[in-house]
Amino acid sequence: MPDLSHFWGEDLSTSATGDLLLVDGDDLTTQRIIRRLMTAVQGYIWHLDYGAGVPAQIGSPLNLDLVRSVIRAQIALEATVARSPAPTITVTEILNGVSVYILFYSAKTGQQATLSFDVNK
């Protein structure tokens, strides 16, 4: 089912005529993964188990294995991500943050998809 096109940290997406754009498929999965990873732990009051809080881990002593395992656990909660093969998650330390690369397969189509982003303090 389509959702509003709203990439984390940006405004809602609109068409040239001002209509709100919708997103579905792998783009929706990508949008949901980023939203889940960037949402603070217990930051969504109706679903306290939602959110990885990745940005909150920046600035404290960085544990890349912990960040990777939190990302893996949260992605496993997304119904649109295939369980097998398991997603490949790479977390690399960068200046004032981390760079994340995720390779996953769509549960709907079986197609491979990738997602990469940086989280900076």
Foldseek 3Di string as FASTA:
>chain_A
DKDFDDAPPDDTDADPVGHTDIDDDVSVLLRVLVVQACQQQCNPVVDNRTHLNQLVQFPPPHDQVVSQVSSQVNSVPDPQWDPPPRKDWDWADDVQWIKIKIWTATPVPRDIDIDIDIHHD
